[in-house]
PDB file of N, CA and C in Angstrom:
ATOM      1  N   MET A   1     -87.585 -30.529 -27.752  1.00  0.00           N
ATOM      2  CA  MET A   1     -87.306 -30.266 -29.144  1.00  0.00           C
ATOM      3  C   MET A   1     -88.548 -29.758 -29.878  1.00  0.00           C
ATOM      4  N   ILE A   2     -89.707 -30.388 -29.628  1.00  0.00           N
ATOM      5  CA  ILE A   2     -90.930 -29.959 -30.309  1.00  0.00           C
ATOM      6  C   ILE A   2     -91.292 -28.524 -29.922  1.00  0.00           C
ATOM      7  N   GLU A   3     -91.045 -28.154 -28.654  1.00  0.00           N
ATOM      8  CA  GLU A   3     -91.346 -26.790 -28.222  1.00  0.00           C
ATOM      9  C   GLU A   3     -90.515 -25.776 -29.006  1.00  0.00           C
ATOM     10  N   THR A   4     -89.260 -26.100 -29.231  1.00  0.00           N
ATOM     11  CA  THR A   4     -88.379 -25.206 -29.996  1.00  0.00           C
ATOM     12  C   THR A   4     -88.877 -25.043 -31.424  1.00  0.00           C
ATOM     13  N   LEU A   5     -89.321 -26.125 -32.031  1.00  0.00           N
ATOM     14  CA  LEU A   5     -89.869 -26.056 -33.398  1.00  0.00           C
ATOM     15  C   LEU A   5     -91.162 -25.254 -33.442  1.00  0.00           C
ATOM     16  N   LEU A   6     -92.021 -25.415 -32.447  1.00  0.00           N
ATOM     17  CA  LEU A   6     -93.264 -24.645 -32.398  1.00  0.00           C
ATOM     18  C   LEU A   6     -92.982 -23.152 -32.294  1.00  0.00           C
ATOM     19  N   VAL A   7     -92.097 -22.785 -31.384  1.00  0.00           N
ATOM     20  CA  VAL A   7     -91.767 -21.368 -31.193  1.00  0.00           C
ATOM     21  C   VAL A   7     -91.047 -20.820 -32.427  1.00  0.00           C
ATOM     22  N   GLY A   8     -90.083 -21.559 -32.945  1.00  0.00           N
ATOM     23  CA  GLY A   8     -89.311 -21.084 -34.099  1.00  0.00           C
ATOM     24  C   GLY A   8     -90.150 -20.924 -35.350  1.00  0.00           C
ATOM     25  N   SER A   9     -91.003 -21.882 -35.637  1.00  0.00           N
ATOM     26  CA  SER A   9     -91.851 -21.764 -36.841  1.00  0.00           C
ATOM     27  C   SER A   9     -92.867 -20.647 -36.653  1.00  0.00           C
ATOM     28  N   GLY A  10     -93.407 -20.507 -35.439  1.00  0.00           N
ATOM     29  CA  GLY A  10     -94.322 -19.395 -35.179  1.00  0.00           C
ATOM     30  C   GLY A  10     -93.637 -18.051 -35.312  1.00  0.00           C
ATOM     31  N   ALA A  11     -92.420 -17.950 -34.800  1.00  0.00           N
ATOM     32  CA  ALA A  11     -91.673 -16.684 -34.882  1.00  0.00           C
ATOM     33  C   ALA A  11     -91.397 -16.304 -36.333  1.00  0.00           C
ATOM     34  N   ALA A  12     -91.108 -17.295 -37.172  1.00  0.00           N
ATOM     35  CA  ALA A  12     -90.876 -17.009 -38.596  1.00  0.00           C
ATOM     36  C   ALA A  12     -92.139 -16.447 -39.235  1.00  0.00           C
ATOM     37  N   ILE A  13     -93.279 -17.026 -38.922  1.00  0.00           N
ATOM     38  CA  ILE A  13     -94.555 -16.530 -39.462  1.00  0.00           C
ATOM     39  C   ILE A  13     -94.826 -15.121 -38.956  1.00  0.00           C
ATOM     40  N   GLY A  14     -94.619 -14.895 -37.654  1.00  0.00           N
ATOM     41  CA  GLY A  14     -94.846 -13.572 -37.084  1.00  0.00           C
ATOM     42  C   GLY A  14     -93.943 -12.514 -37.697  1.00  0.00           C
ATOM     43  N   ALA A  15     -92.682 -12.853 -37.928  1.00  0.00           N
ATOM     44  CA  ALA A  15     -91.748 -11.902 -38.537  1.00  0.00           C
ATOM     45  C   ALA A  15     -92.159 -11.573 -39.965  1.00  0.00           C
ATOM     46  N   MET A  16     -92.659 -12.568 -40.697  1.00  0.00           N
ATOM     47  CA  MET A  16     -93.121 -12.304 -42.067  1.00  0.00           C
ATOM     48  C   MET A  16     -94.364 -11.419 -42.065  1.00  0.00           C
ATOM     49  N   LEU A  17     -95.256 -11.634 -41.105  1.00  0.00           N
ATOM     50  CA  LEU A  17     -96.435 -10.770 -40.985  1.00  0.00           C
ATOM     51  C   LEU A  17     -96.017  -9.335 -40.679  1.00  0.00           C
ATOM     52  N   ARG A  18     -95.080  -9.179 -39.746  1.00  0.00           N
ATOM     53  CA  ARG A  18     -94.592  -7.834 -39.399  1.00  0.00           C
ATOM     54  C   ARG A  18     -93.954  -7.169 -40.609  1.00  0.00           C
ATOM     55  N   PHE A  19     -93.146  -7.909 -41.347  1.00  0.00           N
ATOM     56  CA  PHE A  19     -92.490  -7.371 -42.537  1.00  0.00           C
ATOM     57  C   PHE A  19     -93.528  -6.918 -43.563  1.00  0.00           C
ATOM     58  N   ALA A  20     -94.557  -7.728 -43.782  1.00  0.00           N
ATOM     59  CA  ALA A  20     -95.606  -7.373 -44.742  1.00  0.00           C
ATOM     60  C   ALA A  20     -96.345  -6.113 -44.304  1.00  0.00           C
ATOM     61  N   LEU A  21     -96.672  -6.003 -43.026  1.00  0.00           N
ATOM     62  CA  LEU A  21     -97.373  -4.807 -42.547  1.00  0.00           C
ATOM     63  C   LEU A  21     -96.483  -3.568 -42.597  1.00  0.00           C
ATOM     64  N   ASN A  22     -95.205  -3.726 -42.281  1.00  0.00           N
ATOM     65  CA  ASN A  22     -94.282  -2.592 -42.403  1.00  0.00           C
ATOM     66  C   ASN A  22     -94.231  -2.084 -43.828  1.00  0.00           C
ATOM     67  N   ASN A  23     -94.277  -2.992 -44.791  1.00  0.00           N
ATOM     68  CA  ASN A  23     -94.256  -2.587 -46.198  1.00  0.00           C
ATOM     69  C   ASN A  23     -95.588  -2.001 -46.650  1.00  0.00           C
ATOM     70  N   TYR A  24     -96.676  -2.382 -45.986  1.00  0.00           N
ATOM     71  CA  TYR A  24     -97.995  -1.865 -46.330  1.00  0.00           C
ATOM     72  C   TYR A  24     -98.113  -0.388 -45.960  1.00  0.00           C
ATOM     73  N   PHE A  25     -97.623  -0.039 -44.782  1.00  0.00           N
ATOM     74  CA  PHE A  25     -97.672   1.351 -44.346  1.00  0.00           C
ATOM     75  C   PHE A  25     -96.641   2.157 -45.135  1.00  0.00           C
ATOM     76  N   GLU A  26     -96.933   3.423 -45.347  1.00  0.00           N
ATOM     77  CA  GLU A  26     -95.989   4.260 -46.079  1.00  0.00           C
ATOM     78  C   GLU A  26     -94.669   4.358 -45.319  1.00  0.00           C
ATOM     79  N   PRO A  27     -93.583   4.658 -46.021  1.00  0.00           N
ATOM     80  CA  PRO A  27     -92.279   4.768 -45.340  1.00  0.00           C
ATOM     81  C   PRO A  27     -92.360   5.747 -44.170  1.00  0.00           C
ATOM     82  N   GLN A  28     -91.669   5.381 -43.115  1.00  0.00           N
ATOM     83  CA  GLN A  28     -91.723   6.184 -41.894  1.00  0.00           C
ATOM     84  C   GLN A  28     -90.905   7.462 -42.034  1.00  0.00           C
ATOM     85  N   THR A  29     -91.417   8.483 -41.419  1.00  0.00           N
ATOM     86  CA  THR A  29     -90.691   9.743 -41.325  1.00  0.00           C
ATOM     87  C   THR A  29     -90.316   9.921 -39.858  1.00  0.00           C
ATOM     88  N   LYS A  30     -90.077  11.123 -39.477  1.00  0.00           N
ATOM     89  CA  LYS A  30     -89.758  11.406 -38.076  1.00  0.00           C
ATOM     90  C   LYS A  30     -91.038  11.662 -37.294  1.00  0.00           C
ATOM     91  N   ARG A  31     -92.156  11.155 -37.800  1.00  0.00           N
ATOM     92  CA  ARG A  31     -93.440  11.282 -37.123  1.00  0.00           C
ATOM     93  C   ARG A  31     -93.786   9.956 -36.471  1.00  0.00           C
ATOM     94  N   LEU A  32     -95.033   9.804 -36.076  1.00  0.00           N
ATOM     95  CA  LEU A  32     -95.469   8.576 -35.410  1.00  0.00           C
ATOM     96  C   LEU A  32     -95.197   7.362 -36.290  1.00  0.00           C
ATOM     97  N   PRO A  33     -94.459   6.400 -35.807  1.00  0.00           N
ATOM     98  CA  PRO A  33     -94.201   5.162 -36.553  1.00  0.00           C
ATOM     99  C   PRO A  33     -95.462   4.283 -36.543  1.00  0.00           C
ATOM    100  N   ARG A  34     -96.352   4.523 -37.504  1.00  0.00           N
ATOM    101  CA  ARG A  34     -97.667   3.890 -37.507  1.00  0.00           C
ATOM    102  C   ARG A  34     -97.610   2.374 -37.597  1.00  0.00           C
ATOM    103  N   ALA A  35     -96.699   1.848 -38.400  1.00  0.00           N
ATOM    104  CA  ALA A  35     -96.642   0.393 -38.569  1.00  0.00           C
ATOM    105  C   ALA A  35     -96.320  -0.288 -37.238  1.00  0.00           C
ATOM    106  N   THR A  36     -95.283   0.152 -36.560  1.00  0.00           N
ATOM    107  CA  THR A  36     -94.895  -0.464 -35.285  1.00  0.00           C
ATOM    108  C   THR A  36     -95.977  -0.243 -34.236  1.00  0.00           C
ATOM    109  N   PHE A  37     -96.573   0.927 -34.234  1.00  0.00           N
ATOM    110  CA  PHE A  37     -97.648   1.239 -33.291  1.00  0.00           C
ATOM    111  C   PHE A  37     -98.804   0.260 -33.490  1.00  0.00           C
ATOM    112  N   PHE A  38     -99.239   0.078 -34.736  1.00  0.00           N
ATOM    113  CA  PHE A  38    -100.335  -0.851 -35.039  1.00  0.00           C
ATOM    114  C   PHE A  38     -99.951  -2.284 -34.693  1.00  0.00           C
ATOM    115  N   ILE A  39     -98.764  -2.689 -35.092  1.00  0.00           N
ATOM    116  CA  ILE A  39     -98.314  -4.068 -34.860  1.00  0.00           C
ATOM    117  C   ILE A  39     -98.267  -4.374 -33.367  1.00  0.00           C
ATOM    118  N   ASN A  40     -97.672  -3.504 -32.580  1.00  0.00           N
ATOM    119  CA  ASN A  40     -97.549  -3.772 -31.151  1.00  0.00           C
ATOM    120  C   ASN A  40     -98.902  -3.737 -30.445  1.00  0.00           C
ATOM    121  N   LEU A  41     -99.802  -2.839 -30.864  1.00  0.00           N
ATOM    122  CA  LEU A  41    -101.118  -2.795 -30.222  1.00  0.00           C
ATOM    123  C   LEU A  41    -101.975  -3.989 -30.629  1.00  0.00           C
ATOM    124  N   SER A  42    -101.973  -4.343 -31.903  1.00  0.00           N
ATOM    125  CA  SER A  42    -102.749  -5.515 -32.321  1.00  0.00           C
ATOM    126  C   SER A  42    -102.161  -6.784 -31.704  1.00  0.00           C
ATOM    127  N   GLY A  43    -100.849  -6.832 -31.563  1.00  0.00           N
ATOM    128  CA  GLY A  43    -100.208  -7.968 -30.903  1.00  0.00           C
ATOM    129  C   GLY A  43    -100.607  -8.070 -29.441  1.00  0.00           C
ATOM    130  N   SER A  44    -100.737  -6.931 -28.759  1.00  0.00           N
ATOM    131  CA  SER A  44    -101.187  -6.937 -27.365  1.00  0.00           C
ATOM    132  C   SER A  44    -102.598  -7.499 -27.253  1.00  0.00           C
ATOM    133  N   LEU A  45    -103.485  -7.075 -28.148  1.00  0.00           N
ATOM    134  CA  LEU A  45    -104.859  -7.579 -28.140  1.00  0.00           C
ATOM    135  C   LEU A  45    -104.889  -9.079 -28.416  1.00  0.00           C
ATOM    136  N   LEU A  46    -104.187  -9.510 -29.450  1.00  0.00           N
ATOM    137  CA  LEU A  46    -104.185 -10.930 -29.801  1.00  0.00           C
ATOM    138  C   LEU A  46    -103.575 -11.798 -28.702  1.00  0.00           C
ATOM    139  N   LEU A  47    -102.482 -11.336 -28.119  1.00  0.00           N
ATOM    140  CA  LEU A  47    -101.860 -12.101 -27.043  1.00  0.00           C
ATOM    141  C   LEU A  47    -102.798 -12.206 -25.846  1.00  0.00           C
ATOM    142  N   GLY A  48    -103.525 -11.127 -25.565  1.00  0.00           N
ATOM    143  CA  GLY A  48    -104.520 -11.174 -24.500  1.00  0.00           C
ATOM    144  C   GLY A  48    -105.604 -12.194 -24.799  1.00  0.00           C
ATOM    145  N   ILE A  49    -106.073 -12.226 -26.053  1.00  0.00           N
ATOM    146  CA  ILE A  49    -107.086 -13.215 -26.448  1.00  0.00           C
ATOM    147  C   ILE A  49    -106.534 -14.624 -26.289  1.00  0.00           C
ATOM    148  N   PHE A  50    -105.316 -14.847 -26.778  1.00  0.00           N
ATOM    149  CA  PHE A  50    -104.715 -16.185 -26.670  1.00  0.00           C
ATOM    150  C   PHE A  50    -104.606 -16.618 -25.207  1.00  0.00           C
ATOM    151  N   PHE A  51    -104.236 -15.682 -24.345  1.00  0.00           N
ATOM    152  CA  PHE A  51    -104.116 -15.990 -22.924  1.00  0.00           C
ATOM    153  C   PHE A  51    -105.491 -16.267 -22.317  1.00  0.00           C
ATOM    154  N   GLY A  52    -106.479 -15.430 -22.681  1.00  0.00           N
ATOM    155  CA  GLY A  52    -107.818 -15.569 -22.118  1.00  0.00           C
ATOM    156  C   GLY A  52    -108.527 -16.838 -22.539  1.00  0.00           C
ATOM    157  N   VAL A  53    -108.218 -17.360 -23.716  1.00  0.00           N
ATOM    158  CA  VAL A  53    -108.841 -18.581 -24.218  1.00  0.00           C
ATOM    159  C   VAL A  53    -108.309 -19.808 -23.483  1.00  0.00           C
ATOM    160  N   HIS A  54    -107.198 -19.675 -22.806  1.00  0.00           N
ATOM    161  CA  HIS A  54    -106.549 -20.792 -22.093  1.00  0.00           C
ATOM    162  C   HIS A  54    -106.167 -21.901 -23.071  1.00  0.00           C
ATOM    163  N   LEU A  55    -105.348 -21.525 -24.048  1.00  0.00           N
ATOM    164  CA  LEU A  55    -104.876 -22.489 -25.043  1.00  0.00           C
ATOM    165  C   LEU A  55    -103.996 -23.548 -24.391  1.00  0.00           C
ATOM    166  N   SER A  56    -103.925 -24.693 -25.013  1.00  0.00           N
ATOM    167  CA  SER A  56    -103.010 -25.725 -24.524  1.00  0.00           C
ATOM    168  C   SER A  56    -101.576 -25.209 -24.668  1.00  0.00           C
ATOM    169  N   ASP A  57    -100.659 -25.785 -23.914  1.00  0.00           N
ATOM    170  CA  ASP A  57     -99.270 -25.320 -23.943  1.00  0.00           C
ATOM    171  C   ASP A  57     -98.666 -25.318 -25.346  1.00  0.00           C
ATOM    172  N   PRO A  58     -98.807 -26.394 -26.141  1.00  0.00           N
ATOM    173  CA  PRO A  58     -98.201 -26.370 -27.476  1.00  0.00           C
ATOM    174  C   PRO A  58     -98.798 -25.288 -28.388  1.00  0.00           C
ATOM    175  N   VAL A  59    -100.108 -25.104 -28.310  1.00  0.00           N
ATOM    176  CA  VAL A  59    -100.758 -24.092 -29.154  1.00  0.00           C
ATOM    177  C   VAL A  59    -100.325 -22.698 -28.712  1.00  0.00           C
ATOM    178  N   TYR A  60    -100.243 -22.471 -27.399  1.00  0.00           N
ATOM    179  CA  TYR A  60     -99.799 -21.166 -26.905  1.00  0.00           C
ATOM    180  C   TYR A  60     -98.340 -20.905 -27.277  1.00  0.00           C
ATOM    181  N   LEU A  61     -97.504 -21.938 -27.205  1.00  0.00           N
ATOM    182  CA  LEU A  61     -96.107 -21.764 -27.621  1.00  0.00           C
ATOM    183  C   LEU A  61     -96.028 -21.323 -29.074  1.00  0.00           C
ATOM    184  N   PHE A  62     -96.839 -21.915 -29.942  1.00  0.00           N
ATOM    185  CA  PHE A  62     -96.822 -21.564 -31.363  1.00  0.00           C
ATOM    186  C   PHE A  62     -97.415 -20.183 -31.603  1.00  0.00           C
ATOM    187  N   LEU A  63     -98.635 -19.939 -31.087  1.00  0.00           N
ATOM    188  CA  LEU A  63     -99.320 -18.666 -31.353  1.00  0.00           C
ATOM    189  C   LEU A  63     -98.795 -17.516 -30.504  1.00  0.00           C
ATOM    190  N   GLY A  64     -98.712 -17.732 -29.189  1.00  0.00           N
ATOM    191  CA  GLY A  64     -98.347 -16.654 -28.271  1.00  0.00           C
ATOM    192  C   GLY A  64     -96.866 -16.341 -28.282  1.00  0.00           C
ATOM    193  N   THR A  65     -96.062 -17.330 -27.920  1.00  0.00           N
ATOM    194  CA  THR A  65     -94.621 -17.106 -27.847  1.00  0.00           C
ATOM    195  C   THR A  65     -94.012 -16.975 -29.236  1.00  0.00           C
ATOM    196  N   GLY A  66     -94.412 -17.854 -30.153  1.00  0.00           N
ATOM    197  CA  GLY A  66     -93.828 -17.865 -31.493  1.00  0.00           C
ATOM    198  C   GLY A  66     -94.311 -16.732 -32.378  1.00  0.00           C
ATOM    199  N   ILE A  67     -95.559 -16.827 -32.828  1.00  0.00           N
ATOM    200  CA  ILE A  67     -96.068 -15.829 -33.793  1.00  0.00           C
ATOM    201  C   ILE A  67     -96.064 -14.427 -33.193  1.00  0.00           C
ATOM    202  N   MET A  68     -96.623 -14.264 -32.000  1.00  0.00           N
ATOM    203  CA  MET A  68     -96.676 -12.920 -31.409  1.00  0.00           C
ATOM    204  C   MET A  68     -95.283 -12.408 -31.047  1.00  0.00           C
ATOM    205  N   GLY A  69     -94.381 -13.321 -30.668  1.00  0.00           N
ATOM    206  CA  GLY A  69     -93.004 -12.911 -30.382  1.00  0.00           C
ATOM    207  C   GLY A  69     -92.288 -12.407 -31.627  1.00  0.00           C
ATOM    208  N   GLY A  70     -92.539 -13.059 -32.767  1.00  0.00           N
ATOM    209  CA  GLY A  70     -91.939 -12.610 -34.018  1.00  0.00           C
ATOM    210  C   GLY A  70     -92.662 -11.415 -34.624  1.00  0.00           C
ATOM    211  N   TYR A  71     -93.937 -11.281 -34.327  1.00  0.00           N
ATOM    212  CA  TYR A  71     -94.778 -10.221 -34.897  1.00  0.00           C
ATOM    213  C   TYR A  71     -94.545  -8.877 -34.214  1.00  0.00           C
ATOM    214  N   THR A  72     -94.583  -8.873 -32.885  1.00  0.00           N
ATOM    215  CA  THR A  72     -94.369  -7.611 -32.173  1.00  0.00           C
ATOM    216  C   THR A  72     -92.870  -7.328 -32.109  1.00  0.00           C
ATOM    217  N   THR A  73     -92.520  -6.080 -31.891  1.00  0.00           N
ATOM    218  CA  THR A  73     -91.109  -5.731 -32.019  1.00  0.00           C
ATOM    219  C   THR A  73     -90.691  -4.652 -31.029  1.00  0.00           C
ATOM    220  N   PHE A  74     -90.055  -5.074 -29.973  1.00  0.00           N
ATOM    221  CA  PHE A  74     -89.603  -4.151 -28.942  1.00  0.00           C
ATOM    222  C   PHE A  74     -88.360  -3.381 -29.380  1.00  0.00           C
ATOM    223  N   SER A  75     -87.459  -4.013 -30.112  1.00  0.00           N
ATOM    224  CA  SER A  75     -86.229  -3.327 -30.513  1.00  0.00           C
ATOM    225  C   SER A  75     -86.533  -2.201 -31.500  1.00  0.00           C
ATOM    226  N   THR A  76     -87.410  -2.429 -32.464  1.00  0.00           N
ATOM    227  CA  THR A  76     -87.782  -1.374 -33.405  1.00  0.00           C
ATOM    228  C   THR A  76     -88.478  -0.241 -32.669  1.00  0.00           C
ATOM    229  N   TYR A  77     -89.347  -0.595 -31.757  1.00  0.00           N
ATOM    230  CA  TYR A  77     -90.063   0.400 -30.957  1.00  0.00           C
ATOM    231  C   TYR A  77     -89.075   1.309 -30.215  1.00  0.00           C
ATOM    232  N   ASN A  78     -88.083   0.723 -29.576  1.00  0.00           N
ATOM    233  CA  ASN A  78     -87.109   1.529 -28.837  1.00  0.00           C
ATOM    234  C   ASN A  78     -86.273   2.410 -29.755  1.00  0.00           C
ATOM    235  N   PHE A  79     -85.900   1.892 -30.922  1.00  0.00           N
ATOM    236  CA  PHE A  79     -85.153   2.712 -31.868  1.00  0.00           C
ATOM    237  C   PHE A  79     -85.998   3.893 -32.335  1.00  0.00           C
ATOM    238  N   GLU A  80     -87.266   3.638 -32.629  1.00  0.00           N
ATOM    239  CA  GLU A  80     -88.147   4.726 -33.070  1.00  0.00           C
ATOM    240  C   GLU A  80     -88.342   5.756 -31.968  1.00  0.00           C
ATOM    241  N   LEU A  81     -88.415   5.293 -30.723  1.00  0.00           N
ATOM    242  CA  LEU A  81     -88.485   6.243 -29.613  1.00  0.00           C
ATOM    243  C   LEU A  81     -87.232   7.114 -29.564  1.00  0.00           C
ATOM    244  N   PHE A  82     -86.074   6.523 -29.775  1.00  0.00           N
ATOM    245  CA  PHE A  82     -84.822   7.276 -29.774  1.00  0.00           C
ATOM    246  C   PHE A  82     -84.842   8.361 -30.862  1.00  0.00           C
ATOM    247  N   VAL A  83     -85.294   8.010 -32.064  1.00  0.00           N
ATOM    248  CA  VAL A  83     -85.365   8.982 -33.166  1.00  0.00           C
ATOM    249  C   VAL A  83     -86.341  10.102 -32.816  1.00  0.00           C
ATOM    250  N   LEU A  84     -87.489   9.742 -32.256  1.00  0.00           N
ATOM    251  CA  LEU A  84     -88.455  10.780 -31.875  1.00  0.00           C
ATOM    252  C   LEU A  84     -87.910  11.667 -30.760  1.00  0.00           C
ATOM    253  N   TRP A  85     -87.166  11.110 -29.829  1.00  0.00           N
ATOM    254  CA  TRP A  85     -86.578  11.900 -28.757  1.00  0.00           C
ATOM    255  C   TRP A  85     -85.672  12.990 -29.344  1.00  0.00           C
ATOM    256  N   LYS A  86     -84.944  12.638 -30.385  1.00  0.00           N
ATOM    257  CA  LYS A  86     -84.026  13.592 -31.011  1.00  0.00           C
ATOM    258  C   LYS A  86     -84.755  14.634 -31.852  1.00  0.00           C
ATOM    259  N   HIS A  87     -85.897  14.285 -32.458  1.00  0.00           N
ATOM    260  CA  HIS A  87     -86.506  15.154 -33.462  1.00  0.00           C
ATOM    261  C   HIS A  87     -87.875  15.718 -33.099  1.00  0.00           C
ATOM    262  N   ASP A  88     -88.606  15.084 -32.211  1.00  0.00           N
ATOM    263  CA  ASP A  88     -89.973  15.533 -31.936  1.00  0.00           C
ATOM    264  C   ASP A  88     -90.387  15.057 -30.541  1.00  0.00           C
ATOM    265  N   ARG A  89     -90.026  15.833 -29.541  1.00  0.00           N
ATOM    266  CA  ARG A  89     -90.298  15.413 -28.164  1.00  0.00           C
ATOM    267  C   ARG A  89     -91.784  15.213 -27.871  1.00  0.00           C
ATOM    268  N   PRO A  90     -92.678  16.100 -28.325  1.00  0.00           N
ATOM    269  CA  PRO A  90     -94.100  15.836 -28.048  1.00  0.00           C
ATOM    270  C   PRO A  90     -94.573  14.498 -28.633  1.00  0.00           C
ATOM    271  N   MET A  91     -94.124  14.165 -29.856  1.00  0.00           N
ATOM    272  CA  MET A  91     -94.511  12.890 -30.461  1.00  0.00           C
ATOM    273  C   MET A  91     -93.876  11.724 -29.701  1.00  0.00           C
ATOM    274  N   PHE A  92     -92.666  11.920 -29.194  1.00  0.00           N
ATOM    275  CA  PHE A  92     -92.012  10.905 -28.369  1.00  0.00           C
ATOM    276  C   PHE A  92     -92.912  10.509 -27.199  1.00  0.00           C
ATOM    277  N   TYR A  93     -93.425  11.512 -26.489  1.00  0.00           N
ATOM    278  CA  TYR A  93     -94.261  11.222 -25.323  1.00  0.00           C
ATOM    279  C   TYR A  93     -95.594  10.600 -25.725  1.00  0.00           C
ATOM    280  N   ARG A  94     -96.188  11.054 -26.825  1.00  0.00           N
ATOM    281  CA  ARG A  94     -97.449  10.451 -27.290  1.00  0.00           C
ATOM    282  C   ARG A  94     -97.240   8.988 -27.662  1.00  0.00           C
ATOM    283  N   TYR A  95     -96.151   8.708 -28.362  1.00  0.00           N
ATOM    284  CA  TYR A  95     -95.862   7.333 -28.794  1.00  0.00           C
ATOM    285  C   TYR A  95     -95.543   6.439 -27.596  1.00  0.00           C
ATOM    286  N   LEU A  96     -94.747   6.934 -26.672  1.00  0.00           N
ATOM    287  CA  LEU A  96     -94.365   6.181 -25.482  1.00  0.00           C
ATOM    288  C   LEU A  96     -95.595   5.816 -24.653  1.00  0.00           C
ATOM    289  N   PHE A  97     -96.358   6.823 -24.253  1.00  0.00           N
ATOM    290  CA  PHE A  97     -97.496   6.565 -23.377  1.00  0.00           C
ATOM    291  C   PHE A  97     -98.669   5.940 -24.134  1.00  0.00           C
ATOM    292  N   GLY A  98     -98.821   6.269 -25.407  1.00  0.00           N
ATOM    293  CA  GLY A  98     -99.873   5.641 -26.207  1.00  0.00           C
ATOM    294  C   GLY A  98     -99.622   4.164 -26.393  1.00  0.00           C
ATOM    295  N   SER A  99     -98.387   3.797 -26.675  1.00  0.00           N
ATOM    296  CA  SER A  99     -98.059   2.386 -26.881  1.00  0.00           C
ATOM    297  C   SER A  99     -98.245   1.575 -25.604  1.00  0.00           C
ATOM    298  N   TYR A 100     -97.707   2.066 -24.499  1.00  0.00           N
ATOM    299  CA  TYR A 100     -97.830   1.315 -23.255  1.00  0.00           C
ATOM    300  C   TYR A 100     -99.249   1.358 -22.702  1.00  0.00           C
ATOM    301  N   GLY A 101     -99.851   2.525 -22.688  1.00  0.00           N
ATOM    302  CA  GLY A 101    -101.204   2.645 -22.148  1.00  0.00           C
ATOM    303  C   GLY A 101    -102.220   1.855 -22.953  1.00  0.00           C
ATOM    304  N   LEU A 102    -102.231   2.065 -24.261  1.00  0.00           N
ATOM    305  CA  LEU A 102    -103.179   1.336 -25.107  1.00  0.00           C
ATOM    306  C   LEU A 102    -102.821  -0.153 -25.168  1.00  0.00           C
ATOM    307  N   GLY A 103    -101.539  -0.465 -25.140  1.00  0.00           N
ATOM    308  CA  GLY A 103    -101.121  -1.864 -25.154  1.00  0.00           C
ATOM    309  C   GLY A 103    -101.645  -2.621 -23.941  1.00  0.00           C
ATOM    310  N   LEU A 104    -101.534  -2.010 -22.769  1.00  0.00           N
ATOM    311  CA  LEU A 104    -102.063  -2.640 -21.556  1.00  0.00           C
ATOM    312  C   LEU A 104    -103.584  -2.765 -21.623  1.00  0.00           C
ATOM    313  N   LEU A 105    -104.233  -1.713 -22.078  1.00  0.00           N
ATOM    314  CA  LEU A 105    -105.687  -1.748 -22.199  1.00  0.00           C
ATOM    315  C   LEU A 105    -106.135  -2.841 -23.172  1.00  0.00           C
ATOM    316  N   LEU A 106    -105.487  -2.923 -24.323  1.00  0.00           N
ATOM    317  CA  LEU A 106    -105.866  -3.933 -25.314  1.00  0.00           C
ATOM    318  C   LEU A 106    -105.542  -5.344 -24.842  1.00  0.00           C
ATOM    319  N   SER A 107    -104.486  -5.513 -24.084  1.00  0.00           N
ATOM    320  CA  SER A 107    -104.199  -6.825 -23.503  1.00  0.00           C
ATOM    321  C   SER A 107    -105.333  -7.250 -22.577  1.00  0.00           C
ATOM    322  N   PHE A 108    -105.792  -6.333 -21.747  1.00  0.00           N
ATOM    323  CA  PHE A 108    -106.897  -6.621 -20.843  1.00  0.00           C
ATOM    324  C   PHE A 108    -108.170  -6.932 -21.630  1.00  0.00           C
ATOM    325  N   VAL A 109    -108.477  -6.129 -22.643  1.00  0.00           N
ATOM    326  CA  VAL A 109    -109.656  -6.378 -23.479  1.00  0.00           C
ATOM    327  C   VAL A 109    -109.537  -7.757 -24.142  1.00  0.00           C
ATOM    328  N   GLY A 110    -108.356  -8.100 -24.614  1.00  0.00           N
ATOM    329  CA  GLY A 110    -108.143  -9.401 -25.229  1.00  0.00           C
ATOM    330  C   GLY A 110    -108.388 -10.547 -24.263  1.00  0.00           C
ATOM    331  N   ILE A 111    -107.925 -10.396 -23.043  1.00  0.00           N
ATOM    332  CA  ILE A 111    -108.153 -11.438 -22.026  1.00  0.00           C
ATOM    333  C   ILE A 111    -109.647 -11.605 -21.758  1.00  0.00           C
ATOM    334  N   VAL A 112    -110.366 -10.493 -21.683  1.00  0.00           N
ATOM    335  CA  VAL A 112    -111.813 -10.560 -21.470  1.00  0.00           C
ATOM    336  C   VAL A 112    -112.485 -11.248 -22.663  1.00  0.00           C
ATOM    337  N   ILE A 113    -112.118 -10.850 -23.870  1.00  0.00           N
ATOM    338  CA  ILE A 113    -112.694 -11.487 -25.066  1.00  0.00           C
ATOM    339  C   ILE A 113    -112.358 -12.972 -25.097  1.00  0.00           C
ATOM    340  N   GLY A 114    -111.092 -13.289 -24.866  1.00  0.00           N
ATOM    341  CA  GLY A 114    -110.664 -14.683 -24.900  1.00  0.00           C
ATOM    342  C   GLY A 114    -111.361 -15.549 -23.864  1.00  0.00           C
ATOM    343  N   SER A 115    -111.620 -14.988 -22.682  1.00  0.00           N
ATOM    344  CA  SER A 115    -112.270 -15.779 -21.643  1.00  0.00           C
ATOM    345  C   SER A 115    -113.738 -16.033 -21.940  1.00  0.00           C
ATOM    346  N   LYS A 116    -114.307 -15.268 -22.865  1.00  0.00           N
ATOM    347  CA  LYS A 116    -115.714 -15.450 -23.247  1.00  0.00           C
ATOM    348  C   LYS A 116    -115.868 -16.345 -24.471  1.00  0.00           C
ATOM    349  N   ILE A 117    -114.761 -16.699 -25.099  1.00  0.00           N
ATOM    350  CA  ILE A 117    -114.826 -17.549 -26.300  1.00  0.00           C
ATOM    351  C   ILE A 117    -114.947 -19.005 -25.883  1.00  0.00           C
TER     352      ILE A 117
END
């Protein structure tokens, strides 16, 4: 039961952070979805740090699974890819490979940073 509360409360915080950042960035056009790009990449870095620090299970459930799970957004990312596929194929490929490539790189950097903390 406590694990569910940790994940759920963290997810609520992460979703509110994502909502605030989405509102901070200008409304999206059919160009690079900057808010989702930033959110998913910063989430990759933070999750890597959380993993590298070797947090206790309850803390990782709250920060990693909860907050980062609510903060990053795979469904929005896929929808934005679909829109770019229809309207701007070169941007589609930049967003696709930039998100995955940089996301993996930042996850690795986060793990290295976290293991040194």
